[in-house]
Protein backbone atom coordinates (compact mmCIF):
# COMPACT_ATOMS: atom_id res chain seq x y z
CA MET A 1 87.17 83.62 99.30
CA LYS A 2 87.13 79.84 99.49
CA LYS A 3 86.94 77.95 102.78
CA GLU A 4 86.74 74.22 103.50
CA VAL A 5 85.18 72.75 106.64
CA ARG A 6 84.07 69.31 107.81
CA VAL A 7 80.61 68.81 109.19
CA SER A 8 78.83 65.95 110.89
CA LEU A 9 75.08 65.48 110.68
CA GLY A 10 74.14 63.10 113.46
CA CYS A 11 70.37 63.39 113.46
CA LYS A 12 67.37 64.45 111.39
CA SER A 13 67.15 67.92 112.97
CA GLN A 14 70.80 68.65 112.11
CA ILE A 15 70.22 67.55 108.50
CA VAL A 16 67.18 69.84 108.23
CA GLN A 17 69.07 72.75 109.83
CA PHE A 18 72.04 72.23 107.48
CA ILE A 19 69.79 72.29 104.41
CA ASN A 20 67.93 75.38 105.67
CA MET A 21 71.13 77.33 106.39
CA ASN A 22 72.61 76.42 103.00
CA SER A 23 69.42 77.35 101.13
CA LYS A 24 69.38 80.83 102.69
CA SER A 25 73.06 81.50 102.06
CA ALA A 26 74.37 83.51 99.12
CA CYS A 27 77.52 81.36 99.10
CA GLU A 28 78.24 78.58 96.64
CA ILE A 29 78.29 75.38 98.68
CA ASP A 30 79.77 72.10 97.48
CA VAL A 31 79.50 68.97 99.62
CA GLN A 32 81.54 65.79 99.26
CA ASP A 33 81.11 62.51 101.14
CA GLY A 34 84.30 60.92 99.85
CA HIS A 35 83.00 59.82 96.46
CA SER A 36 80.37 62.28 95.24
CA TYR A 37 80.20 66.06 94.94
CA ILE A 38 76.82 67.72 95.13
CA ASP A 39 75.37 71.21 95.44
CA GLY A 40 74.92 71.91 99.15
CA LYS A 41 71.63 73.67 98.44
CA SER A 42 70.08 70.66 96.73
CA ILE A 43 67.86 68.66 99.07
CA VAL A 44 67.76 65.73 96.64
CA GLY A 45 71.54 65.87 96.22
CA LEU A 46 72.17 65.93 99.95
CA LEU A 47 69.81 63.03 100.55
CA SER A 48 71.77 60.98 98.00
CA LEU A 49 74.88 61.16 100.23
CA ASN A 50 75.71 59.12 103.31
CA LEU A 51 74.78 61.91 105.75
CA PHE A 52 75.85 59.99 108.83
CA ARG A 53 79.53 60.15 107.84
CA PRO A 54 81.58 63.36 108.05
CA LEU A 55 81.11 65.57 105.01
CA ASP A 56 83.65 67.91 103.40
CA VAL A 57 82.01 71.25 102.67
CA THR A 58 83.56 73.89 100.40
CA LEU A 59 82.16 77.42 100.74
CA ILE A 60 82.82 80.00 98.05
CA GLY A 61 81.74 83.62 98.30
CA ASP A 62 82.08 86.83 100.25
CA ASP A 63 84.32 86.57 103.35
CA LYS A 64 81.64 87.88 105.72
CA LYS A 65 78.94 85.55 104.37
CA ILE A 66 81.24 82.54 104.63
CA THR A 67 82.19 83.48 108.20
CA ASN A 68 78.52 83.89 109.13
CA LEU A 69 77.61 80.50 107.66
CA ILE A 70 80.49 78.77 109.46
CA ASN A 71 79.40 80.43 112.70
CA ASP A 72 75.85 79.12 112.11
CA TYR A 73 77.24 75.62 111.55
CA ASP A 74 79.14 75.95 114.83
CA VAL A 75 76.10 77.20 116.79
CA HIS A 76 74.15 74.14 115.65
CA HIS A 77 77.07 71.80 116.53
CA LEU A 78 77.68 70.69 112.95
CA LEU A 79 81.43 71.47 112.70
CA LEU A 80 84.01 68.79 113.33
CA ALA A 81 87.26 69.74 115.05
CA GLU A 82 90.09 70.04 112.57
């Protein structure tokens, strides 16, 4: 399954939480800030983006794992309304 969501990282704690959730996930995670695509599990890659603008996140993997990760994003108030 492939699912696309938009996230917003408004503070340092949300950035840290986003990186931690992605690192623990078995999903493939691609993040785009409008110009660049990076691996959502790469701390260095994420820090190279403008993290204070909305990010497009593509999740690829098992349906249940994607759903769990999206729910985690929602719990930590990272998801933007579509």
